PDB file of all heavy atoms in Angstrom:
ATOM      1  N   HIS A   1      12.481   1.063  -0.828  1.00  0.00           N
ATOM      2  CA  HIS A   1      12.922   1.752   0.437  1.00  0.00           C
ATOM      3  C   HIS A   1      12.016   1.463   1.558  1.00  0.00           C
ATOM      4  O   HIS A   1      10.799   1.186   1.365  1.00  0.00           O
ATOM      5  CB  HIS A   1      12.976   3.258   0.141  1.00  0.00           C
ATOM      6  CG  HIS A   1      13.569   4.069   1.181  1.00  0.00           C
ATOM      7  ND1 HIS A   1      12.911   4.593   2.249  1.00  0.00           N
ATOM      8  CD2 HIS A   1      14.890   4.446   1.376  1.00  0.00           C
ATOM      9  CE1 HIS A   1      13.718   5.262   3.042  1.00  0.00           C
ATOM     10  NE2 HIS A   1      14.944   5.181   2.495  1.00  0.00           N
ATOM     11  N   ASP A   2      12.525   1.446   2.782  1.00  0.00           N
ATOM     12  CA  ASP A   2      11.697   1.091   3.986  1.00  0.00           C
ATOM     13  C   ASP A   2      10.513   2.071   4.151  1.00  0.00           C
ATOM     14  O   ASP A   2       9.534   1.731   4.784  1.00  0.00           O
ATOM     15  CB  ASP A   2      12.586   1.047   5.210  1.00  0.00           C
ATOM     16  CG  ASP A   2      13.389  -0.222   5.317  1.00  0.00           C
ATOM     17  OD1 ASP A   2      13.101  -1.217   4.614  1.00  0.00           O
ATOM     18  OD2 ASP A   2      14.368  -0.219   6.080  1.00  0.00           O
ATOM     19  N   SER A   3      10.655   3.234   3.640  1.00  0.00           N
ATOM     20  CA  SER A   3       9.569   4.233   3.766  1.00  0.00           C
ATOM     21  C   SER A   3       8.281   3.726   3.185  1.00  0.00           C
ATOM     22  O   SER A   3       7.171   4.043   3.676  1.00  0.00           O
ATOM     23  CB  SER A   3       9.908   5.593   3.171  1.00  0.00           C
ATOM     24  OG  SER A   3      10.128   5.437   1.723  1.00  0.00           O
ATOM     25  N   VAL A   4       8.333   2.918   2.173  1.00  0.00           N
ATOM     26  CA  VAL A   4       7.185   2.323   1.493  1.00  0.00           C
ATOM     27  C   VAL A   4       6.459   1.390   2.514  1.00  0.00           C
ATOM     28  O   VAL A   4       5.253   1.520   2.721  1.00  0.00           O
ATOM     29  CB  VAL A   4       7.545   1.575   0.202  1.00  0.00           C
ATOM     30  CG1 VAL A   4       6.320   0.847  -0.350  1.00  0.00           C
ATOM     31  CG2 VAL A   4       8.168   2.531  -0.791  1.00  0.00           C
ATOM     32  N   LEU A   5       7.208   0.553   3.152  1.00  0.00           N
ATOM     33  CA  LEU A   5       6.613  -0.381   4.120  1.00  0.00           C
ATOM     34  C   LEU A   5       5.987   0.354   5.283  1.00  0.00           C
ATOM     35  O   LEU A   5       4.825   0.046   5.672  1.00  0.00           O
ATOM     36  CB  LEU A   5       7.715  -1.357   4.676  1.00  0.00           C
ATOM     37  CG  LEU A   5       8.524  -2.079   3.623  1.00  0.00           C
ATOM     38  CD1 LEU A   5       9.584  -2.924   4.313  1.00  0.00           C
ATOM     39  CD2 LEU A   5       7.649  -2.936   2.758  1.00  0.00           C
ATOM     40  N   ASP A   6       6.692   1.355   5.783  1.00  0.00           N
ATOM     41  CA  ASP A   6       6.166   2.092   6.951  1.00  0.00           C
ATOM     42  C   ASP A   6       4.861   2.856   6.574  1.00  0.00           C
ATOM     43  O   ASP A   6       3.903   2.841   7.352  1.00  0.00           O
ATOM     44  CB  ASP A   6       7.219   3.133   7.398  1.00  0.00           C
ATOM     45  CG  ASP A   6       8.442   2.447   7.990  1.00  0.00           C
ATOM     46  OD1 ASP A   6       8.361   1.270   8.425  1.00  0.00           O
ATOM     47  OD2 ASP A   6       9.523   3.109   8.023  1.00  0.00           O
ATOM     48  N   GLU A   7       4.839   3.519   5.417  1.00  0.00           N
ATOM     49  CA  GLU A   7       3.675   4.310   5.069  1.00  0.00           C
ATOM     50  C   GLU A   7       2.457   3.398   4.762  1.00  0.00           C
ATOM     51  O   GLU A   7       1.377   3.680   5.077  1.00  0.00           O
ATOM     52  CB  GLU A   7       3.961   5.206   3.863  1.00  0.00           C
ATOM     53  CG  GLU A   7       4.890   6.367   4.208  1.00  0.00           C
ATOM     54  CD  GLU A   7       4.257   7.311   5.198  1.00  0.00           C
ATOM     55  OE1 GLU A   7       3.035   7.541   5.198  1.00  0.00           O
ATOM     56  OE2 GLU A   7       5.045   7.884   6.001  1.00  0.00           O
ATOM     57  N   ILE A   8       2.725   2.287   4.085  1.00  0.00           N
ATOM     58  CA  ILE A   8       1.608   1.390   3.769  1.00  0.00           C
ATOM     59  C   ILE A   8       1.072   0.791   5.092  1.00  0.00           C
ATOM     60  O   ILE A   8      -0.145   0.741   5.257  1.00  0.00           O
ATOM     61  CB  ILE A   8       2.002   0.263   2.821  1.00  0.00           C
ATOM     62  CG1 ILE A   8       2.287   0.896   1.455  1.00  0.00           C
ATOM     63  CG2 ILE A   8       0.949  -0.815   2.698  1.00  0.00           C
ATOM     64  CD1 ILE A   8       2.863  -0.099   0.446  1.00  0.00           C
ATOM     65  N   TYR A   9       1.956   0.418   5.978  1.00  0.00           N
ATOM     66  CA  TYR A   9       1.466  -0.065   7.274  1.00  0.00           C
ATOM     67  C   TYR A   9       0.637   0.990   7.997  1.00  0.00           C
ATOM     68  O   TYR A   9      -0.489   0.742   8.410  1.00  0.00           O
ATOM     69  CB  TYR A   9       2.680  -0.524   8.163  1.00  0.00           C
ATOM     70  CG  TYR A   9       2.176  -1.014   9.474  1.00  0.00           C
ATOM     71  CD1 TYR A   9       1.810  -2.320   9.684  1.00  0.00           C
ATOM     72  CD2 TYR A   9       2.087  -0.189  10.579  1.00  0.00           C
ATOM     73  CE1 TYR A   9       1.330  -2.856  10.877  1.00  0.00           C
ATOM     74  CE2 TYR A   9       1.595  -0.628  11.852  1.00  0.00           C
ATOM     75  CZ  TYR A   9       1.224  -1.909  11.938  1.00  0.00           C
ATOM     76  OH  TYR A   9       0.756  -2.403  13.138  1.00  0.00           O
ATOM     77  N   ASP A  10       1.163   2.201   8.099  1.00  0.00           N
ATOM     78  CA  ASP A  10       0.468   3.262   8.883  1.00  0.00           C
ATOM     79  C   ASP A  10      -0.801   3.672   8.252  1.00  0.00           C
ATOM     80  O   ASP A  10      -1.692   4.152   8.974  1.00  0.00           O
ATOM     81  CB  ASP A  10       1.407   4.527   8.943  1.00  0.00           C
ATOM     82  CG  ASP A  10       2.618   4.286   9.842  1.00  0.00           C
ATOM     83  OD1 ASP A  10       2.597   3.334  10.609  1.00  0.00           O
ATOM     84  OD2 ASP A  10       3.560   5.073   9.749  1.00  0.00           O
ATOM     85  N   ASN A  11      -0.983   3.438   6.909  1.00  0.00           N
ATOM     86  CA  ASN A  11      -2.154   3.969   6.255  1.00  0.00           C
ATOM     87  C   ASN A  11      -3.055   2.871   5.686  1.00  0.00           C
ATOM     88  O   ASN A  11      -4.055   3.211   5.053  1.00  0.00           O
ATOM     89  CB  ASN A  11      -1.698   4.880   5.095  1.00  0.00           C
ATOM     90  CG  ASN A  11      -1.100   6.175   5.627  1.00  0.00           C
ATOM     91  OD1 ASN A  11      -1.837   7.045   6.105  1.00  0.00           O
ATOM     92  ND2 ASN A  11       0.203   6.279   5.605  1.00  0.00           N
ATOM     93  N   SER A  12      -2.832   1.626   6.062  1.00  0.00           N
ATOM     94  CA  SER A  12      -3.759   0.622   5.498  1.00  0.00           C
ATOM     95  C   SER A  12      -4.057  -0.522   6.503  1.00  0.00           C
ATOM     96  O   SER A  12      -4.897  -1.343   6.191  1.00  0.00           O
ATOM     97  CB  SER A  12      -3.204   0.051   4.256  1.00  0.00           C
ATOM     98  OG  SER A  12      -1.990  -0.675   4.449  1.00  0.00           O
ATOM     99  N   VAL A  13      -3.347  -0.537   7.627  1.00  0.00           N
ATOM    100  CA  VAL A  13      -3.605  -1.656   8.588  1.00  0.00           C
ATOM    101  C   VAL A  13      -4.724  -1.295   9.491  1.00  0.00           C
ATOM    102  O   VAL A  13      -4.625  -0.349  10.289  1.00  0.00           O
ATOM    103  CB  VAL A  13      -2.328  -2.054   9.330  1.00  0.00           C
ATOM    104  CG1 VAL A  13      -2.628  -3.066  10.387  1.00  0.00           C
ATOM    105  CG2 VAL A  13      -1.307  -2.586   8.345  1.00  0.00           C
ATOM    106  N   TYR A  14      -5.814  -1.986   9.361  1.00  0.00           N
ATOM    107  CA  TYR A  14      -6.936  -1.921  10.295  1.00  0.00           C
ATOM    108  C   TYR A  14      -7.157  -3.336  10.841  1.00  0.00           C
ATOM    109  O   TYR A  14      -7.770  -4.178  10.145  1.00  0.00           O
ATOM    110  CB  TYR A  14      -8.269  -1.521   9.564  1.00  0.00           C
ATOM    111  CG  TYR A  14      -8.090  -0.238   8.734  1.00  0.00           C
ATOM    112  CD1 TYR A  14      -7.792  -0.328   7.367  1.00  0.00           C
ATOM    113  CD2 TYR A  14      -8.331   1.006   9.305  1.00  0.00           C
ATOM    114  CE1 TYR A  14      -7.748   0.830   6.607  1.00  0.00           C
ATOM    115  CE2 TYR A  14      -8.219   2.148   8.546  1.00  0.00           C
ATOM    116  CZ  TYR A  14      -7.941   2.072   7.177  1.00  0.00           C
ATOM    117  OH  TYR A  14      -7.837   3.199   6.450  1.00  0.00           O
ATOM    118  N   PRO A  15      -6.610  -3.650  11.987  1.00  0.00           N
ATOM    119  CA  PRO A  15      -6.658  -5.057  12.431  1.00  0.00           C
ATOM    120  C   PRO A  15      -8.008  -5.709  12.373  1.00  0.00           C
ATOM    121  O   PRO A  15      -8.086  -6.915  12.103  1.00  0.00           O
ATOM    122  CB  PRO A  15      -6.153  -4.967  13.877  1.00  0.00           C
ATOM    123  CG  PRO A  15      -5.276  -3.728  13.894  1.00  0.00           C
ATOM    124  CD  PRO A  15      -5.962  -2.791  12.973  1.00  0.00           C
ATOM    125  N   THR A  16      -9.059  -4.969  12.525  1.00  0.00           N
ATOM    126  CA  THR A  16     -10.417  -5.588  12.472  1.00  0.00           C
ATOM    127  C   THR A  16     -10.806  -5.945  11.056  1.00  0.00           C
ATOM    128  O   THR A  16     -11.769  -6.737  10.893  1.00  0.00           O
ATOM    129  CB  THR A  16     -11.454  -4.663  13.077  1.00  0.00           C
ATOM    130  OG1 THR A  16     -11.455  -3.431  12.323  1.00  0.00           O
ATOM    131  CG2 THR A  16     -11.221  -4.384  14.571  1.00  0.00           C
ATOM    132  N   GLN A  17     -10.121  -5.410  10.049  1.00  0.00           N
ATOM    133  CA  GLN A  17     -10.487  -5.654   8.691  1.00  0.00           C
ATOM    134  C   GLN A  17      -9.539  -6.618   7.982  1.00  0.00           C
ATOM    135  O   GLN A  17      -9.737  -6.972   6.809  1.00  0.00           O
ATOM    136  CB  GLN A  17     -10.553  -4.350   7.885  1.00  0.00           C
ATOM    137  CG  GLN A  17     -11.626  -3.500   8.336  1.00  0.00           C
ATOM    138  CD  GLN A  17     -11.706  -2.178   7.461  1.00  0.00           C
ATOM    139  OE1 GLN A  17     -11.157  -2.153   6.421  1.00  0.00           O
ATOM    140  NE2 GLN A  17     -12.406  -1.179   7.978  1.00  0.00           N
ATOM    141  N   GLY A  18      -8.494  -7.062   8.646  1.00  0.00           N
ATOM    142  CA  GLY A  18      -7.552  -8.017   8.057  1.00  0.00           C
ATOM    143  C   GLY A  18      -6.664  -7.379   6.998  1.00  0.00           C
ATOM    144  O   GLY A  18      -6.323  -6.217   7.087  1.00  0.00           O
ATOM    145  N   THR A  19      -6.347  -8.157   6.014  1.00  0.00           N
ATOM    146  CA  THR A  19      -5.338  -7.722   5.045  1.00  0.00           C
ATOM    147  C   THR A  19      -5.971  -7.015   3.812  1.00  0.00           C
ATOM    148  O   THR A  19      -5.192  -6.438   2.991  1.00  0.00           O
ATOM    149  CB  THR A  19      -4.505  -8.912   4.578  1.00  0.00           C
ATOM    150  OG1 THR A  19      -5.334  -9.914   4.014  1.00  0.00           O
ATOM    151  CG2 THR A  19      -3.674  -9.471   5.723  1.00  0.00           C
ATOM    152  N   ARG A  20      -7.264  -7.012   3.681  1.00  0.00           N
ATOM    153  CA  ARG A  20      -7.895  -6.478   2.436  1.00  0.00           C
ATOM    154  C   ARG A  20      -7.437  -4.995   2.215  1.00  0.00           C
ATOM    155  O   ARG A  20      -7.060  -4.687   1.117  1.00  0.00           O
ATOM    156  CB  ARG A  20      -9.366  -6.580   2.487  1.00  0.00           C
ATOM    157  CG  ARG A  20     -10.055  -6.076   1.217  1.00  0.00           C
ATOM    158  CD  ARG A  20     -11.570  -6.246   1.292  1.00  0.00           C
ATOM    159  NE  ARG A  20     -11.870  -7.619   1.472  1.00  0.00           N
ATOM    160  CZ  ARG A  20     -12.353  -8.437   0.538  1.00  0.00           C
ATOM    161  NH1 ARG A  20     -12.529  -7.948  -0.716  1.00  0.00           N
ATOM    162  NH2 ARG A  20     -12.651  -9.687   0.718  1.00  0.00           N
ATOM    163  N   PRO A  21      -7.478  -4.118   3.216  1.00  0.00           N
ATOM    164  CA  PRO A  21      -7.066  -2.757   2.966  1.00  0.00           C
ATOM    165  C   PRO A  21      -5.615  -2.614   2.599  1.00  0.00           C
ATOM    166  O   PRO A  21      -5.188  -1.760   1.856  1.00  0.00           O
ATOM    167  CB  PRO A  21      -7.319  -2.048   4.279  1.00  0.00           C
ATOM    168  CG  PRO A  21      -8.258  -2.891   5.033  1.00  0.00           C
ATOM    169  CD  PRO A  21      -8.020  -4.294   4.565  1.00  0.00           C
ATOM    170  N   VAL A  22      -4.766  -3.531   3.074  1.00  0.00           N
ATOM    171  CA  VAL A  22      -3.329  -3.569   2.797  1.00  0.00           C
ATOM    172  C   VAL A  22      -3.174  -3.837   1.272  1.00  0.00           C
ATOM    173  O   VAL A  22      -2.482  -3.069   0.569  1.00  0.00           O
ATOM    174  CB  VAL A  22      -2.616  -4.615   3.616  1.00  0.00           C
ATOM    175  CG1 VAL A  22      -1.135  -4.757   3.168  1.00  0.00           C
ATOM    176  CG2 VAL A  22      -2.677  -4.301   5.135  1.00  0.00           C
ATOM    177  N   PHE A  23      -3.793  -4.864   0.800  1.00  0.00           N
ATOM    178  CA  PHE A  23      -3.659  -5.218  -0.614  1.00  0.00           C
ATOM    179  C   PHE A  23      -4.245  -4.137  -1.523  1.00  0.00           C
ATOM    180  O   PHE A  23      -3.710  -3.802  -2.576  1.00  0.00           O
ATOM    181  CB  PHE A  23      -4.275  -6.563  -0.924  1.00  0.00           C
ATOM    182  CG  PHE A  23      -3.539  -7.706  -0.293  1.00  0.00           C
ATOM    183  CD1 PHE A  23      -4.191  -8.552   0.643  1.00  0.00           C
ATOM    184  CD2 PHE A  23      -2.211  -7.943  -0.528  1.00  0.00           C
ATOM    185  CE1 PHE A  23      -3.495  -9.608   1.206  1.00  0.00           C
ATOM    186  CE2 PHE A  23      -1.525  -8.986   0.026  1.00  0.00           C
ATOM    187  CZ  PHE A  23      -2.157  -9.825   0.902  1.00  0.00           C
ATOM    188  N   SER A  24      -5.335  -3.533  -1.064  1.00  0.00           N
ATOM    189  CA  SER A  24      -5.941  -2.436  -1.861  1.00  0.00           C
ATOM    190  C   SER A  24      -4.966  -1.235  -1.951  1.00  0.00           C
ATOM    191  O   SER A  24      -4.813  -0.604  -3.059  1.00  0.00           O
ATOM    192  CB  SER A  24      -7.252  -1.989  -1.255  1.00  0.00           C
ATOM    193  OG  SER A  24      -8.233  -3.026  -1.267  1.00  0.00           O
ATOM    194  N   SER A  25      -4.355  -0.907  -0.859  1.00  0.00           N
ATOM    195  CA  SER A  25      -3.419   0.273  -0.834  1.00  0.00           C
ATOM    196  C   SER A  25      -2.198  -0.053  -1.731  1.00  0.00           C
ATOM    197  O   SER A  25      -1.725   0.837  -2.448  1.00  0.00           O
ATOM    198  CB  SER A  25      -2.950   0.512   0.599  1.00  0.00           C
ATOM    199  OG  SER A  25      -3.991   1.040   1.356  1.00  0.00           O
ATOM    200  N   ILE A  26      -1.695  -1.239  -1.646  1.00  0.00           N
ATOM    201  CA  ILE A  26      -0.528  -1.610  -2.455  1.00  0.00           C
ATOM    202  C   ILE A  26      -0.886  -1.521  -3.932  1.00  0.00           C
ATOM    203  O   ILE A  26      -0.166  -1.018  -4.724  1.00  0.00           O
ATOM    204  CB  ILE A  26       0.043  -2.961  -2.060  1.00  0.00           C
ATOM    205  CG1 ILE A  26       0.622  -2.916  -0.622  1.00  0.00           C
ATOM    206  CG2 ILE A  26       1.091  -3.448  -3.060  1.00  0.00           C
ATOM    207  CD1 ILE A  26       0.992  -4.295  -0.094  1.00  0.00           C
ATOM    208  N   HIS A  27      -2.033  -2.048  -4.303  1.00  0.00           N
ATOM    209  CA  HIS A  27      -2.475  -2.019  -5.675  1.00  0.00           C
ATOM    210  C   HIS A  27      -2.634  -0.606  -6.149  1.00  0.00           C
ATOM    211  O   HIS A  27      -2.239  -0.266  -7.264  1.00  0.00           O
ATOM    212  CB  HIS A  27      -3.754  -2.855  -5.844  1.00  0.00           C
ATOM    213  CG  HIS A  27      -4.279  -2.837  -7.258  1.00  0.00           C
ATOM    214  ND1 HIS A  27      -3.602  -3.574  -8.279  1.00  0.00           N
ATOM    215  CD2 HIS A  27      -5.281  -2.186  -7.797  1.00  0.00           C
ATOM    216  CE1 HIS A  27      -4.283  -3.360  -9.366  1.00  0.00           C
ATOM    217  NE2 HIS A  27      -5.284  -2.515  -9.168  1.00  0.00           N
ATOM    218  N   MET A  28      -3.257   0.227  -5.329  1.00  0.00           N
ATOM    219  CA  MET A  28      -3.442   1.641  -5.699  1.00  0.00           C
ATOM    220  C   MET A  28      -2.108   2.332  -5.920  1.00  0.00           C
ATOM    221  O   MET A  28      -1.927   3.057  -6.862  1.00  0.00           O
ATOM    222  CB  MET A  28      -4.186   2.383  -4.530  1.00  0.00           C
ATOM    223  CG  MET A  28      -4.414   3.846  -4.766  1.00  0.00           C
ATOM    224  SD  MET A  28      -3.103   4.959  -4.115  1.00  0.00           S
ATOM    225  CE  MET A  28      -2.884   4.426  -2.451  1.00  0.00           C
ATOM    226  N   MET A  29      -1.149   2.006  -5.036  1.00  0.00           N
ATOM    227  CA  MET A  29       0.132   2.679  -5.122  1.00  0.00           C
ATOM    228  C   MET A  29       1.012   2.207  -6.250  1.00  0.00           C
ATOM    229  O   MET A  29       1.714   2.955  -6.913  1.00  0.00           O
ATOM    230  CB  MET A  29       0.913   2.494  -3.803  1.00  0.00           C
ATOM    231  CG  MET A  29       2.140   3.325  -3.714  1.00  0.00           C
ATOM    232  SD  MET A  29       2.962   3.019  -2.188  1.00  0.00           S
ATOM    233  CE  MET A  29       3.796   1.497  -2.660  1.00  0.00           C
ATOM    234  N   PHE A  30       0.905   0.897  -6.580  1.00  0.00           N
ATOM    235  CA  PHE A  30       1.791   0.297  -7.590  1.00  0.00           C
ATOM    236  C   PHE A  30       1.042   0.112  -8.887  1.00  0.00           C
ATOM    237  O   PHE A  30       1.505  -0.623  -9.782  1.00  0.00           O
ATOM    238  CB  PHE A  30       2.393  -1.010  -7.131  1.00  0.00           C
ATOM    239  CG  PHE A  30       3.542  -0.835  -6.126  1.00  0.00           C
ATOM    240  CD1 PHE A  30       3.634  -1.645  -5.033  1.00  0.00           C
ATOM    241  CD2 PHE A  30       4.448   0.118  -6.263  1.00  0.00           C
ATOM    242  CE1 PHE A  30       4.645  -1.513  -4.168  1.00  0.00           C
ATOM    243  CE2 PHE A  30       5.502   0.316  -5.417  1.00  0.00           C
ATOM    244  CZ  PHE A  30       5.584  -0.522  -4.361  1.00  0.00           C
ATOM    245  N   GLY A  31      -0.068   0.760  -9.078  1.00  0.00           N
ATOM    246  CA  GLY A  31      -0.761   0.660 -10.329  1.00  0.00           C
ATOM    247  C   GLY A  31      -0.180   1.737 -11.281  1.00  0.00           C
ATOM    248  O   GLY A  31       0.939   1.567 -11.820  1.00  0.00           O
ATOM    249  N   ALA A  32      -0.893   2.787 -11.560  1.00  0.00           N
ATOM    250  CA  ALA A  32      -0.510   3.828 -12.425  1.00  0.00           C
ATOM    251  C   ALA A  32       0.795   4.468 -12.087  1.00  0.00           C
ATOM    252  O   ALA A  32       1.653   4.779 -12.925  1.00  0.00           O
ATOM    253  CB  ALA A  32      -1.621   4.851 -12.624  1.00  0.00           C
ATOM    254  N   PRO A  33       1.027   4.813 -10.765  1.00  0.00           N
ATOM    255  CA  PRO A  33       2.257   5.489 -10.409  1.00  0.00           C
ATOM    256  C   PRO A  33       3.517   4.653 -10.753  1.00  0.00           C
ATOM    257  O   PRO A  33       4.524   5.192 -11.213  1.00  0.00           O
ATOM    258  CB  PRO A  33       2.163   5.663  -8.876  1.00  0.00           C
ATOM    259  CG  PRO A  33       0.707   5.741  -8.630  1.00  0.00           C
ATOM    260  CD  PRO A  33       0.116   4.773  -9.580  1.00  0.00           C
ATOM    261  N   LEU A  34       3.468   3.366 -10.583  1.00  0.00           N
ATOM    262  CA  LEU A  34       4.623   2.503 -10.914  1.00  0.00           C
ATOM    263  C   LEU A  34       4.857   2.551 -12.441  1.00  0.00           C
ATOM    264  O   LEU A  34       5.994   2.639 -12.863  1.00  0.00           O
ATOM    265  CB  LEU A  34       4.425   1.099 -10.403  1.00  0.00           C
ATOM    266  CG  LEU A  34       5.556   0.059 -10.690  1.00  0.00           C
ATOM    267  CD1 LEU A  34       6.846   0.590 -10.014  1.00  0.00           C
ATOM    268  CD2 LEU A  34       5.210  -1.264 -10.189  1.00  0.00           C
ATOM    269  N   SER A  35       3.804   2.478 -13.212  1.00  0.00           N
ATOM    270  CA  SER A  35       3.955   2.577 -14.634  1.00  0.00           C
ATOM    271  C   SER A  35       4.589   3.884 -15.079  1.00  0.00           C
ATOM    272  O   SER A  35       5.501   3.957 -15.916  1.00  0.00           O
ATOM    273  CB  SER A  35       2.631   2.450 -15.355  1.00  0.00           C
ATOM    274  OG  SER A  35       2.027   1.198 -15.073  1.00  0.00           O
ATOM    275  N   SER A  36       4.146   4.963 -14.469  1.00  0.00           N
ATOM    276  CA  SER A  36       4.696   6.301 -14.789  1.00  0.00           C
ATOM    277  C   SER A  36       6.145   6.344 -14.420  1.00  0.00           C
ATOM    278  O   SER A  36       6.996   6.917 -15.156  1.00  0.00           O
ATOM    279  CB  SER A  36       3.943   7.365 -14.016  1.00  0.00           C
ATOM    280  OG  SER A  36       2.622   7.487 -14.446  1.00  0.00           O
ATOM    281  N   GLY A  37       6.554   5.847 -13.240  1.00  0.00           N
ATOM    282  CA  GLY A  37       7.974   5.818 -12.848  1.00  0.00           C
ATOM    283  C   GLY A  37       8.824   5.081 -13.763  1.00  0.00           C
ATOM    284  O   GLY A  37       9.904   5.438 -14.076  1.00  0.00           O
ATOM    285  N   ILE A  38       8.337   3.848 -14.182  1.00  0.00           N
ATOM    286  CA  ILE A  38       9.134   3.038 -15.084  1.00  0.00           C
ATOM    287  C   ILE A  38       9.278   3.748 -16.417  1.00  0.00           C
ATOM    288  O   ILE A  38      10.386   3.749 -17.019  1.00  0.00           O
ATOM    289  CB  ILE A  38       8.454   1.650 -15.253  1.00  0.00           C
ATOM    290  CG1 ILE A  38       8.676   0.861 -13.963  1.00  0.00           C
ATOM    291  CG2 ILE A  38       9.067   0.871 -16.392  1.00  0.00           C
ATOM    292  CD1 ILE A  38       7.916  -0.415 -13.876  1.00  0.00           C
TER     293      ILE A  38
END
């Protein structure tokens, strides 16, 4: 759902830090919670 993209963008994009926080947030979100959902 688009809400995933919007929330990850709003909560992990720090232009001065590049993409590292983005990948960290995605990994955090799709780690254990994704396993539980499946």
